Amino acid sequence: MAELFGYTACRQLLQMFISIIFFHVSEYILALVFHGKSNVSFKSLLISKHYVLAMFCSLIEYLIEIYFFPGLKEYWWISNFGLAMVVLGEIIRKLAIVTAGQAFTHLIKVYHEENHQLVTNGIYRFVRHPGYCGFFIWSVGTQIMLCNPISTIAFTVVVWKFFSGRIPYEEFFLKQFFGSDYEDYMRKVPSGIPLVR
């Protein structure tokens, strides 16, 4: 029982809670900055039932493993690598939001609006979907940071599957909006999600 209140658990869980709070609050604040209070709802916090369930399951895994296999959580090089992934994922995602400005939305646009421009500068020069790439790195990093082997695999598979379906759907509309400009951009710049062209 002492493991639950020891240095390892306190540090790793504190890092996890700070990561989650910072991610969601900063998403909401940036949505307010770029879209205004009248256009932003609490959905901009990006918290869904499935997300809460996934995070709850990862916490349960952590607590079970630190109680029964405390040595599993002591691989600090793994935990620190996960923390570095969390920071890198945050940076990539926030650069995507700031670079795209009003063009960045949490919902896929299915109608072309006047202020919707094709963004290919900044981080978008290197990654077509840096917001998705950043979230992918961040979410998997949270589980590596906790040294959660089961949740690391589960998060990798589930988040990859989500984006492997979302990217083609979103790009269907982007091709309609921007035509050959977007198709040229697609050929030159990777999506940012492994194995998703």
N, C-alpha and C. Protein backbone atom coordinates (compact mmCIF):
# COMPACT_ATOMS: atom_id res chain seq x y z
N MET A 1 0.82 -1.21 0.00
CA MET A 1 0.00 0.00 0.00
C MET A 1 0.86 1.27 0.00
N ALA A 2 2.05 1.16 0.59
CA ALA A 2 2.93 2.32 0.65
C ALA A 2 3.31 2.82 -0.74
N GLU A 3 3.33 1.91 -1.73
CA GLU A 3 3.71 2.30 -3.09
C GLU A 3 2.76 3.36 -3.65
N LEU A 4 1.48 3.31 -3.25
CA LEU A 4 0.49 4.26 -3.76
C LEU A 4 0.77 5.69 -3.31
N PHE A 5 1.52 5.84 -2.20
CA PHE A 5 1.82 7.18 -1.67
C PHE A 5 3.30 7.50 -1.74
N GLY A 6 4.06 6.67 -2.44
CA GLY A 6 5.50 6.88 -2.56
C GLY A 6 5.85 7.90 -3.62
N TYR A 7 7.14 8.15 -3.73
CA TYR A 7 7.66 9.15 -4.66
C TYR A 7 7.25 8.84 -6.10
N THR A 8 7.40 7.59 -6.51
CA THR A 8 7.13 7.22 -7.90
C THR A 8 5.69 7.53 -8.28
N ALA A 9 4.75 7.04 -7.50
CA ALA A 9 3.33 7.25 -7.82
C ALA A 9 2.98 8.74 -7.77
N CYS A 10 3.46 9.43 -6.74
CA CYS A 10 3.13 10.86 -6.62
C CYS A 10 3.66 11.64 -7.83
N ARG A 11 4.91 11.35 -8.21
CA ARG A 11 5.49 12.10 -9.34
C ARG A 11 4.78 11.76 -10.64
N GLN A 12 4.62 10.48 -10.93
CA GLN A 12 4.03 10.10 -12.21
C GLN A 12 2.57 10.53 -12.32
N LEU A 13 1.80 10.35 -11.26
CA LEU A 13 0.40 10.75 -11.32
C LEU A 13 0.24 12.26 -11.38
N LEU A 14 1.10 12.98 -10.66
CA LEU A 14 1.06 14.45 -10.71
C LEU A 14 1.37 14.93 -12.13
N GLN A 15 2.40 14.35 -12.74
CA GLN A 15 2.73 14.70 -14.13
C GLN A 15 1.55 14.43 -15.05
N MET A 16 0.88 13.31 -14.82
CA MET A 16 -0.26 12.95 -15.66
C MET A 16 -1.40 13.96 -15.50
N PHE A 17 -1.76 14.28 -14.26
CA PHE A 17 -2.86 15.21 -14.03
C PHE A 17 -2.54 16.61 -14.55
N ILE A 18 -1.29 17.06 -14.38
CA ILE A 18 -0.89 18.37 -14.91
C ILE A 18 -0.97 18.36 -16.43
N SER A 19 -0.51 17.27 -17.05
CA SER A 19 -0.55 17.15 -18.52
C SER A 19 -1.98 17.23 -19.04
N ILE A 20 -2.88 16.52 -18.39
CA ILE A 20 -4.29 16.51 -18.82
C ILE A 20 -4.93 17.88 -18.64
N ILE A 21 -4.73 18.48 -17.48
CA ILE A 21 -5.33 19.78 -17.21
C ILE A 21 -4.78 20.83 -18.17
N PHE A 22 -3.46 20.85 -18.36
CA PHE A 22 -2.87 21.84 -19.25
C PHE A 22 -3.38 21.67 -20.68
N PHE A 23 -3.43 20.42 -21.15
CA PHE A 23 -3.88 20.16 -22.52
C PHE A 23 -5.29 20.73 -22.73
N HIS A 24 -6.22 20.37 -21.85
CA HIS A 24 -7.61 20.73 -22.08
C HIS A 24 -7.90 22.21 -21.84
N VAL A 25 -7.30 22.78 -20.82
CA VAL A 25 -7.52 24.20 -20.55
C VAL A 25 -6.91 25.05 -21.66
N SER A 26 -5.72 24.69 -22.12
CA SER A 26 -5.09 25.48 -23.19
C SER A 26 -5.86 25.34 -24.51
N GLU A 27 -6.44 24.17 -24.78
CA GLU A 27 -7.29 24.01 -25.97
C GLU A 27 -8.47 24.98 -25.91
N TYR A 28 -9.10 25.04 -24.75
CA TYR A 28 -10.27 25.89 -24.57
C TYR A 28 -9.89 27.37 -24.72
N ILE A 29 -8.80 27.76 -24.08
CA ILE A 29 -8.37 29.17 -24.13
C ILE A 29 -8.03 29.57 -25.56
N LEU A 30 -7.31 28.72 -26.29
CA LEU A 30 -6.97 29.04 -27.67
C LEU A 30 -8.21 29.10 -28.56
N ALA A 31 -9.18 28.24 -28.29
CA ALA A 31 -10.44 28.32 -29.05
C ALA A 31 -11.13 29.65 -28.79
N LEU A 32 -11.12 30.11 -27.54
CA LEU A 32 -11.69 31.42 -27.21
C LEU A 32 -10.96 32.54 -27.93
N VAL A 33 -9.63 32.48 -27.94
CA VAL A 33 -8.82 33.52 -28.56
C VAL A 33 -9.11 33.63 -30.05
N PHE A 34 -9.17 32.49 -30.74
CA PHE A 34 -9.30 32.52 -32.20
C PHE A 34 -10.74 32.56 -32.71
N HIS A 35 -11.69 32.09 -31.89
CA HIS A 35 -13.05 32.01 -32.39
C HIS A 35 -14.06 32.85 -31.60
N GLY A 36 -13.64 33.39 -30.47
CA GLY A 36 -14.54 34.23 -29.68
C GLY A 36 -15.49 33.41 -28.81
N LYS A 37 -15.88 34.02 -27.71
CA LYS A 37 -16.70 33.33 -26.72
C LYS A 37 -18.03 32.84 -27.29
N SER A 38 -18.62 33.60 -28.19
CA SER A 38 -19.93 33.21 -28.74
C SER A 38 -19.86 31.97 -29.63
N ASN A 39 -18.67 31.64 -30.14
CA ASN A 39 -18.51 30.50 -31.04
C ASN A 39 -17.88 29.29 -30.37
N VAL A 40 -17.67 29.36 -29.06
CA VAL A 40 -16.97 28.28 -28.36
C VAL A 40 -17.88 27.71 -27.27
N SER A 41 -17.92 26.39 -27.23
CA SER A 41 -18.68 25.72 -26.18
C SER A 41 -17.73 24.85 -25.36
N PHE A 42 -18.27 24.17 -24.37
CA PHE A 42 -17.42 23.30 -23.55
C PHE A 42 -16.92 22.09 -24.33
N LYS A 43 -17.47 21.86 -25.53
CA LYS A 43 -16.95 20.80 -26.40
C LYS A 43 -15.51 21.09 -26.79
N SER A 44 -15.12 22.36 -26.74
CA SER A 44 -13.76 22.75 -27.07
C SER A 44 -12.75 22.26 -26.03
N LEU A 45 -13.24 21.78 -24.90
CA LEU A 45 -12.35 21.15 -23.92
C LEU A 45 -11.91 19.77 -24.40
N LEU A 46 -12.60 19.23 -25.41
CA LEU A 46 -12.28 17.93 -26.01
C LEU A 46 -12.35 16.78 -25.02
N ILE A 47 -13.37 16.79 -24.20
CA ILE A 47 -13.56 15.71 -23.23
C ILE A 47 -14.86 14.98 -23.59
N SER A 48 -14.70 13.72 -23.98
CA SER A 48 -15.86 12.89 -24.34
C SER A 48 -15.97 11.72 -23.37
N LYS A 49 -17.08 11.00 -23.46
CA LYS A 49 -17.25 9.82 -22.60
C LYS A 49 -16.17 8.78 -22.87
N HIS A 50 -15.86 8.58 -24.14
CA HIS A 50 -14.83 7.59 -24.49
C HIS A 50 -13.46 8.00 -23.96
N TYR A 51 -13.17 9.29 -24.04
CA TYR A 51 -11.89 9.80 -23.54
C TYR A 51 -11.79 9.60 -22.03
N VAL A 52 -12.85 9.96 -21.31
CA VAL A 52 -12.86 9.79 -19.85
C VAL A 52 -12.70 8.31 -19.49
N LEU A 53 -13.39 7.44 -20.21
CA LEU A 53 -13.27 6.01 -19.97
C LEU A 53 -11.84 5.52 -20.20
N ALA A 54 -11.22 5.98 -21.29
CA ALA A 54 -9.84 5.58 -21.59
C ALA A 54 -8.88 6.03 -20.49
N MET A 55 -9.02 7.27 -20.04
CA MET A 55 -8.15 7.79 -18.98
C MET A 55 -8.41 7.07 -17.66
N PHE A 56 -9.68 6.75 -17.39
CA PHE A 56 -10.02 6.02 -16.17
C PHE A 56 -9.37 4.63 -16.20
N CYS A 57 -9.46 3.95 -17.34
CA CYS A 57 -8.86 2.61 -17.47
C CYS A 57 -7.35 2.67 -17.31
N SER A 58 -6.73 3.73 -17.83
CA SER A 58 -5.28 3.86 -17.68
C SER A 58 -4.90 4.10 -16.22
N LEU A 59 -5.73 4.84 -15.49
CA LEU A 59 -5.48 5.06 -14.07
C LEU A 59 -5.64 3.76 -13.29
N ILE A 60 -6.66 2.97 -13.61
CA ILE A 60 -6.86 1.68 -12.95
C ILE A 60 -5.67 0.77 -13.21
N GLU A 61 -5.21 0.73 -14.48
CA GLU A 61 -4.03 -0.08 -14.79
C GLU A 61 -2.84 0.37 -13.95
N TYR A 62 -2.65 1.69 -13.87
CA TYR A 62 -1.51 2.21 -13.10
C TYR A 62 -1.58 1.77 -11.65
N LEU A 63 -2.74 1.94 -11.04
CA LEU A 63 -2.89 1.61 -9.61
C LEU A 63 -2.69 0.12 -9.35
N ILE A 64 -3.22 -0.72 -10.23
CA ILE A 64 -3.05 -2.17 -10.07
C ILE A 64 -1.58 -2.54 -10.20
N GLU A 65 -0.93 -1.99 -11.21
CA GLU A 65 0.47 -2.35 -11.46
C GLU A 65 1.41 -1.82 -10.38
N ILE A 66 1.15 -0.61 -9.89
CA ILE A 66 2.07 -0.09 -8.86
C ILE A 66 1.89 -0.85 -7.54
N TYR A 67 0.70 -1.39 -7.33
CA TYR A 67 0.46 -2.17 -6.11
C TYR A 67 1.08 -3.56 -6.22
N PHE A 68 0.84 -4.24 -7.34
CA PHE A 68 1.31 -5.62 -7.49
C PHE A 68 2.70 -5.74 -8.10
N PHE A 69 3.08 -4.80 -8.95
CA PHE A 69 4.38 -4.86 -9.63
C PHE A 69 5.06 -3.49 -9.56
N PRO A 70 5.40 -3.01 -8.36
CA PRO A 70 5.93 -1.65 -8.24
C PRO A 70 7.21 -1.40 -9.04
N GLY A 71 8.00 -2.46 -9.23
CA GLY A 71 9.23 -2.30 -10.00
C GLY A 71 8.98 -1.90 -11.44
N LEU A 72 7.82 -2.24 -11.96
CA LEU A 72 7.46 -1.90 -13.34
C LEU A 72 7.42 -0.38 -13.56
N LYS A 73 7.13 0.35 -12.51
CA LYS A 73 6.99 1.81 -12.63
C LYS A 73 8.31 2.55 -12.38
N GLU A 74 9.36 1.81 -12.06
CA GLU A 74 10.64 2.43 -11.69
C GLU A 74 11.60 2.60 -12.87
N TYR A 75 11.15 2.33 -14.08
CA TYR A 75 11.99 2.54 -15.25
C TYR A 75 11.92 4.01 -15.64
N TRP A 76 12.76 4.81 -14.97
CA TRP A 76 12.66 6.26 -15.14
C TRP A 76 13.01 6.72 -16.53
N TRP A 77 13.89 6.00 -17.23
CA TRP A 77 14.22 6.40 -18.59
C TRP A 77 13.00 6.26 -19.50
N ILE A 78 12.15 5.26 -19.22
CA ILE A 78 10.92 5.10 -19.99
C ILE A 78 9.93 6.20 -19.62
N SER A 79 9.77 6.42 -18.33
CA SER A 79 8.84 7.44 -17.86
C SER A 79 9.24 8.83 -18.37
N ASN A 80 10.53 9.14 -18.32
CA ASN A 80 11.01 10.44 -18.80
C ASN A 80 10.86 10.58 -20.31
N PHE A 81 11.04 9.48 -21.03
CA PHE A 81 10.81 9.49 -22.48
C PHE A 81 9.34 9.83 -22.76
N GLY A 82 8.44 9.23 -21.99
CA GLY A 82 7.01 9.53 -22.13
C GLY A 82 6.71 10.99 -21.84
N LEU A 83 7.34 11.53 -20.80
CA LEU A 83 7.16 12.94 -20.47
C LEU A 83 7.65 13.82 -21.62
N ALA A 84 8.77 13.47 -22.22
CA ALA A 84 9.28 14.22 -23.37
C ALA A 84 8.29 14.14 -24.54
N MET A 85 7.66 12.99 -24.74
CA MET A 85 6.64 12.85 -25.78
C MET A 85 5.45 13.76 -25.50
N VAL A 86 5.04 13.82 -24.24
CA VAL A 86 3.91 14.68 -23.85
C VAL A 86 4.22 16.14 -24.19
N VAL A 87 5.42 16.58 -23.83
CA VAL A 87 5.82 17.97 -24.10
C VAL A 87 5.90 18.21 -25.61
N LEU A 88 6.54 17.28 -26.34
CA LEU A 88 6.66 17.42 -27.80
C LEU A 88 5.27 17.45 -28.46
N GLY A 89 4.39 16.56 -28.05
CA GLY A 89 3.04 16.52 -28.60
C GLY A 89 2.30 17.82 -28.36
N GLU A 90 2.43 18.36 -27.16
CA GLU A 90 1.80 19.65 -26.83
C GLU A 90 2.34 20.75 -27.75
N ILE A 91 3.65 20.80 -27.91
CA ILE A 91 4.27 21.85 -28.73
C ILE A 91 3.77 21.76 -30.16
N ILE A 92 3.77 20.54 -30.72
CA ILE A 92 3.32 20.37 -32.11
C ILE A 92 1.87 20.79 -32.26
N ARG A 93 1.02 20.33 -31.34
CA ARG A 93 -0.41 20.66 -31.45
C ARG A 93 -0.66 22.15 -31.28
N LYS A 94 -0.03 22.77 -30.31
CA LYS A 94 -0.27 24.19 -30.08
C LYS A 94 0.31 25.04 -31.22
N LEU A 95 1.43 24.62 -31.81
CA LEU A 95 1.95 25.31 -32.99
C LEU A 95 0.95 25.22 -34.13
N ALA A 96 0.30 24.05 -34.26
CA ALA A 96 -0.72 23.88 -35.31
C ALA A 96 -1.88 24.86 -35.10
N ILE A 97 -2.34 24.97 -33.88
CA ILE A 97 -3.48 25.84 -33.58
C ILE A 97 -3.11 27.30 -33.82
N VAL A 98 -1.95 27.72 -33.31
CA VAL A 98 -1.54 29.11 -33.44
C VAL A 98 -1.26 29.46 -34.90
N THR A 99 -0.63 28.56 -35.64
CA THR A 99 -0.31 28.83 -37.04
C THR A 99 -1.59 28.93 -37.88
N ALA A 100 -2.53 28.02 -37.67
CA ALA A 100 -3.76 28.02 -38.46
C ALA A 100 -4.73 29.11 -38.02
N GLY A 101 -4.67 29.51 -36.75
CA GLY A 101 -5.56 30.56 -36.26
C GLY A 101 -7.02 30.18 -36.40
N GLN A 102 -7.80 31.04 -37.05
CA GLN A 102 -9.24 30.78 -37.20
C GLN A 102 -9.53 29.58 -38.08
N ALA A 103 -8.58 29.17 -38.90
CA ALA A 103 -8.80 28.01 -39.77
C ALA A 103 -8.77 26.70 -38.98
N PHE A 104 -8.23 26.74 -37.76
CA PHE A 104 -8.18 25.53 -36.93
C PHE A 104 -9.48 25.42 -36.13
N THR A 105 -10.19 24.32 -36.33
CA THR A 105 -11.42 24.08 -35.58
C THR A 105 -11.40 22.65 -35.05
N HIS A 106 -12.16 22.42 -34.00
CA HIS A 106 -12.24 21.08 -33.42
C HIS A 106 -13.21 20.18 -34.18
N LEU A 107 -14.07 20.79 -34.99
CA LEU A 107 -15.00 20.02 -35.81
C LEU A 107 -14.59 20.14 -37.27
N ILE A 108 -14.74 19.07 -38.02
CA ILE A 108 -14.39 19.08 -39.43
C ILE A 108 -15.38 19.97 -40.19
N LYS A 109 -14.84 20.87 -40.98
CA LYS A 109 -15.67 21.74 -41.80
C LYS A 109 -16.15 20.97 -43.03
N VAL A 110 -17.46 20.98 -43.24
CA VAL A 110 -18.01 20.31 -44.42
C VAL A 110 -18.50 21.32 -45.46
N TYR A 111 -18.46 22.60 -45.09
CA TYR A 111 -18.80 23.68 -46.02
C TYR A 111 -17.66 24.68 -46.02
N HIS A 112 -17.31 25.18 -47.19
CA HIS A 112 -16.23 26.14 -47.30
C HIS A 112 -16.71 27.51 -46.86
N GLU A 113 -15.98 28.13 -45.95
CA GLU A 113 -16.30 29.47 -45.48
C GLU A 113 -15.27 30.45 -46.01
N GLU A 114 -15.62 31.72 -46.03
CA GLU A 114 -14.74 32.75 -46.59
C GLU A 114 -13.38 32.80 -45.92
N ASN A 115 -13.36 32.69 -44.59
CA ASN A 115 -12.10 32.82 -43.86
C ASN A 115 -11.31 31.50 -43.79
N HIS A 116 -11.83 30.46 -44.44
CA HIS A 116 -11.15 29.15 -44.41
C HIS A 116 -10.11 29.12 -45.52
N GLN A 117 -8.85 29.20 -45.13
CA GLN A 117 -7.75 29.21 -46.08
C GLN A 117 -6.92 27.95 -45.93
N LEU A 118 -6.23 27.58 -47.02
CA LEU A 118 -5.31 26.45 -46.97
C LEU A 118 -4.03 26.92 -46.30
N VAL A 119 -3.71 26.33 -45.15
CA VAL A 119 -2.52 26.71 -44.40
C VAL A 119 -1.40 25.72 -44.72
N THR A 120 -0.30 26.24 -45.27
CA THR A 120 0.84 25.38 -45.61
C THR A 120 2.15 25.94 -45.07
N ASN A 121 2.07 26.96 -44.24
CA ASN A 121 3.28 27.56 -43.68
C ASN A 121 3.52 27.05 -42.26
N GLY A 122 4.62 27.49 -41.66
CA GLY A 122 4.95 27.09 -40.29
C GLY A 122 5.07 25.58 -40.17
N ILE A 123 4.49 25.02 -39.14
CA ILE A 123 4.58 23.58 -38.91
C ILE A 123 3.89 22.77 -40.01
N TYR A 124 2.95 23.42 -40.71
CA TYR A 124 2.23 22.75 -41.79
C TYR A 124 3.13 22.50 -43.01
N ARG A 125 4.31 23.08 -43.04
CA ARG A 125 5.27 22.76 -44.10
C ARG A 125 5.81 21.35 -43.95
N PHE A 126 5.81 20.84 -42.72
CA PHE A 126 6.42 19.55 -42.44
C PHE A 126 5.40 18.44 -42.20
N VAL A 127 4.22 18.82 -41.72
CA VAL A 127 3.17 17.85 -41.37
C VAL A 127 1.84 18.41 -41.82
N ARG A 128 1.05 17.60 -42.54
CA ARG A 128 -0.25 18.05 -43.04
C ARG A 128 -1.27 18.23 -41.93
N HIS A 129 -1.22 17.36 -40.95
CA HIS A 129 -2.17 17.39 -39.84
C HIS A 129 -1.42 17.45 -38.50
N PRO A 130 -0.74 18.57 -38.24
CA PRO A 130 0.06 18.63 -37.00
C PRO A 130 -0.78 18.56 -35.73
N GLY A 131 -2.03 19.01 -35.79
CA GLY A 131 -2.89 18.89 -34.60
C GLY A 131 -3.12 17.44 -34.24
N TYR A 132 -3.37 16.62 -35.24
CA TYR A 132 -3.58 15.18 -35.01
C TYR A 132 -2.28 14.51 -34.60
N CYS A 133 -1.21 14.89 -35.28
CA CYS A 133 0.10 14.33 -34.96
C CYS A 133 0.47 14.64 -33.51
N GLY A 134 0.27 15.89 -33.10
CA GLY A 134 0.58 16.29 -31.73
C GLY A 134 -0.25 15.54 -30.72
N PHE A 135 -1.55 15.38 -31.00
CA PHE A 135 -2.40 14.65 -30.06
C PHE A 135 -2.00 13.18 -29.98
N PHE A 136 -1.66 12.58 -31.12
CA PHE A 136 -1.23 11.19 -31.14
C PHE A 136 0.00 11.00 -30.25
N ILE A 137 1.00 11.85 -30.45
CA ILE A 137 2.23 11.76 -29.64
C ILE A 137 1.91 12.01 -28.17
N TRP A 138 1.11 13.03 -27.89
CA TRP A 138 0.76 13.39 -26.52
C TRP A 138 0.04 12.23 -25.82
N SER A 139 -0.98 11.68 -26.46
CA SER A 139 -1.80 10.65 -25.81
C SER A 139 -1.00 9.38 -25.52
N VAL A 140 -0.20 8.93 -26.49
CA VAL A 140 0.63 7.75 -26.26
C VAL A 140 1.70 8.07 -25.21
N GLY A 141 2.23 9.29 -25.27
CA GLY A 141 3.23 9.71 -24.29
C GLY A 141 2.72 9.68 -22.86
N THR A 142 1.45 10.02 -22.66
CA THR A 142 0.91 9.98 -21.29
C THR A 142 1.00 8.58 -20.70
N GLN A 143 0.82 7.57 -21.53
CA GLN A 143 0.84 6.19 -21.04
C GLN A 143 2.26 5.66 -20.87
N ILE A 144 3.16 6.08 -21.75
CA ILE A 144 4.57 5.71 -21.58
C ILE A 144 5.11 6.37 -20.32
N MET A 145 4.70 7.62 -20.07
CA MET A 145 5.12 8.34 -18.87
C MET A 145 4.69 7.60 -17.60
N LEU A 146 3.53 6.93 -17.64
CA LEU A 146 3.05 6.16 -16.50
C LEU A 146 3.61 4.74 -16.48
N CYS A 147 4.40 4.39 -17.48
CA CYS A 147 4.91 3.00 -17.62
C CYS A 147 3.74 2.01 -17.62
N ASN A 148 2.70 2.34 -18.37
CA ASN A 148 1.50 1.51 -18.51
C ASN A 148 1.59 0.71 -19.82
N PRO A 149 2.07 -0.51 -19.80
CA PRO A 149 2.24 -1.23 -21.06
C PRO A 149 0.93 -1.53 -21.80
N ILE A 150 -0.10 -1.91 -21.07
CA ILE A 150 -1.37 -2.26 -21.71
C ILE A 150 -2.01 -1.01 -22.32
N SER A 151 -2.07 0.07 -21.55
CA SER A 151 -2.69 1.30 -22.05
C SER A 151 -1.85 1.94 -23.17
N THR A 152 -0.53 1.76 -23.13
CA THR A 152 0.30 2.29 -24.22
C THR A 152 -0.11 1.65 -25.53
N ILE A 153 -0.25 0.35 -25.53
CA ILE A 153 -0.67 -0.37 -26.74
C ILE A 153 -2.09 0.03 -27.12
N ALA A 154 -2.99 0.04 -26.14
CA ALA A 154 -4.39 0.37 -26.41
C ALA A 154 -4.54 1.79 -26.96
N PHE A 155 -3.88 2.76 -26.35
CA PHE A 155 -3.98 4.14 -26.82
C PHE A 155 -3.41 4.26 -28.23
N THR A 156 -2.28 3.60 -28.49
CA THR A 156 -1.67 3.66 -29.82
C THR A 156 -2.64 3.15 -30.87
N VAL A 157 -3.24 1.99 -30.61
CA VAL A 157 -4.15 1.37 -31.58
C VAL A 157 -5.42 2.20 -31.76
N VAL A 158 -6.04 2.60 -30.66
CA VAL A 158 -7.32 3.32 -30.73
C VAL A 158 -7.15 4.70 -31.37
N VAL A 159 -6.14 5.44 -30.94
CA VAL A 159 -5.95 6.79 -31.50
C VAL A 159 -5.53 6.70 -32.96
N TRP A 160 -4.67 5.75 -33.30
CA TRP A 160 -4.29 5.57 -34.71
C TRP A 160 -5.52 5.23 -35.56
N LYS A 161 -6.33 4.31 -35.07
CA LYS A 161 -7.53 3.91 -35.82
C LYS A 161 -8.47 5.11 -36.02
N PHE A 162 -8.63 5.91 -34.98
CA PHE A 162 -9.49 7.10 -35.07
C PHE A 162 -8.99 8.04 -36.17
N PHE A 163 -7.70 8.36 -36.13
CA PHE A 163 -7.16 9.30 -37.10
C PHE A 163 -7.05 8.71 -38.50
N SER A 164 -6.86 7.40 -38.60
CA SER A 164 -6.77 6.79 -39.93
C SER A 164 -8.12 6.84 -40.64
N GLY A 165 -9.20 6.97 -39.88
CA GLY A 165 -10.53 7.18 -40.47
C GLY A 165 -10.85 8.65 -40.64
N ARG A 166 -10.42 9.47 -39.71
CA ARG A 166 -10.77 10.91 -39.74
C ARG A 166 -10.02 11.66 -40.83
N ILE A 167 -8.76 11.33 -41.04
CA ILE A 167 -7.96 12.06 -42.02
C ILE A 167 -8.53 11.94 -43.43
N PRO A 168 -8.82 10.73 -43.94
CA PRO A 168 -9.40 10.65 -45.28
C PRO A 168 -10.75 11.37 -45.38
N TYR A 169 -11.55 11.30 -44.32
CA TYR A 169 -12.84 12.00 -44.31
C TYR A 169 -12.64 13.51 -44.42
N GLU A 170 -11.74 14.04 -43.61
CA GLU A 170 -11.47 15.48 -43.64
C GLU A 170 -10.87 15.90 -44.97
N GLU A 171 -9.98 15.07 -45.50
CA GLU A 171 -9.31 15.44 -46.75
C GLU A 171 -10.25 15.37 -47.95
N PHE A 172 -11.30 14.60 -47.86
CA PHE A 172 -12.32 14.61 -48.90
C PHE A 172 -12.87 16.03 -49.08
N PHE A 173 -13.16 16.69 -47.97
CA PHE A 173 -13.68 18.05 -48.03
C PHE A 173 -12.59 19.06 -48.39
N LEU A 174 -11.38 18.86 -47.88
CA LEU A 174 -10.30 19.78 -48.21
C LEU A 174 -10.00 19.77 -49.71
N LYS A 175 -10.10 18.61 -50.32
CA LYS A 175 -9.90 18.52 -51.78
C LYS A 175 -11.02 19.26 -52.52
N GLN A 176 -12.22 19.18 -51.98
CA GLN A 176 -13.33 19.93 -52.60
C GLN A 176 -13.14 21.43 -52.45
N PHE A 177 -12.65 21.85 -51.28
CA PHE A 177 -12.47 23.28 -51.02
C PHE A 177 -11.32 23.87 -51.83
N PHE A 178 -10.18 23.14 -51.86
CA PHE A 178 -8.95 23.72 -52.39
C PHE A 178 -8.43 23.05 -53.66
N GLY A 179 -9.11 22.02 -54.13
CA GLY A 179 -8.80 21.38 -55.41
C GLY A 179 -7.36 20.91 -55.55
N SER A 180 -6.76 21.27 -56.69
CA SER A 180 -5.41 20.77 -57.01
C SER A 180 -4.35 21.32 -56.05
N ASP A 181 -4.60 22.48 -55.45
CA ASP A 181 -3.65 23.02 -54.47
C ASP A 181 -3.49 22.05 -53.30
N TYR A 182 -4.62 21.52 -52.84
CA TYR A 182 -4.54 20.58 -51.72
C TYR A 182 -3.95 19.24 -52.16
N GLU A 183 -4.28 18.80 -53.35
CA GLU A 183 -3.73 17.53 -53.84
C GLU A 183 -2.22 17.61 -54.00
N ASP A 184 -1.71 18.74 -54.47
CA ASP A 184 -0.25 18.94 -54.56
C ASP A 184 0.37 18.92 -53.16
N TYR A 185 -0.29 19.60 -52.25
CA TYR A 185 0.19 19.65 -50.85
C TYR A 185 0.22 18.25 -50.25
N MET A 186 -0.82 17.46 -50.51
CA MET A 186 -0.88 16.08 -50.00
C MET A 186 0.29 15.24 -50.50
N ARG A 187 0.65 15.44 -51.77
CA ARG A 187 1.74 14.64 -52.35
C ARG A 187 3.09 14.99 -51.73
N LYS A 188 3.26 16.24 -51.32
CA LYS A 188 4.56 16.71 -50.84
C LYS A 188 4.76 16.53 -49.34
N VAL A 189 3.67 16.57 -48.57
CA VAL A 189 3.78 16.65 -47.10
C VAL A 189 3.08 15.45 -46.46
N PRO A 190 3.78 14.73 -45.55
CA PRO A 190 3.14 13.56 -44.90
C PRO A 190 2.04 13.99 -43.94
N SER A 191 1.14 13.04 -43.65
CA SER A 191 0.00 13.35 -42.78
C SER A 191 0.39 13.64 -41.34
N GLY A 192 1.44 13.00 -40.86
CA GLY A 192 1.85 13.16 -39.47
C GLY A 192 1.43 12.00 -38.59
N ILE A 193 0.63 11.08 -39.14
CA ILE A 193 0.23 9.88 -38.42
C ILE A 193 0.87 8.69 -39.12
N PRO A 194 1.61 7.86 -38.40
CA PRO A 194 2.32 6.74 -39.04
C PRO A 194 1.37 5.86 -39.87
N LEU A 195 1.84 5.51 -41.07
CA LEU A 195 1.14 4.61 -41.99
C LEU A 195 -0.17 5.18 -42.54
N VAL A 196 -0.41 6.47 -42.34
CA VAL A 196 -1.59 7.11 -42.93
C VAL A 196 -1.08 8.09 -43.96
N ARG A 197 -1.32 7.80 -45.20
CA ARG A 197 -0.84 8.68 -46.28
C ARG A 197 -1.83 9.81 -46.43
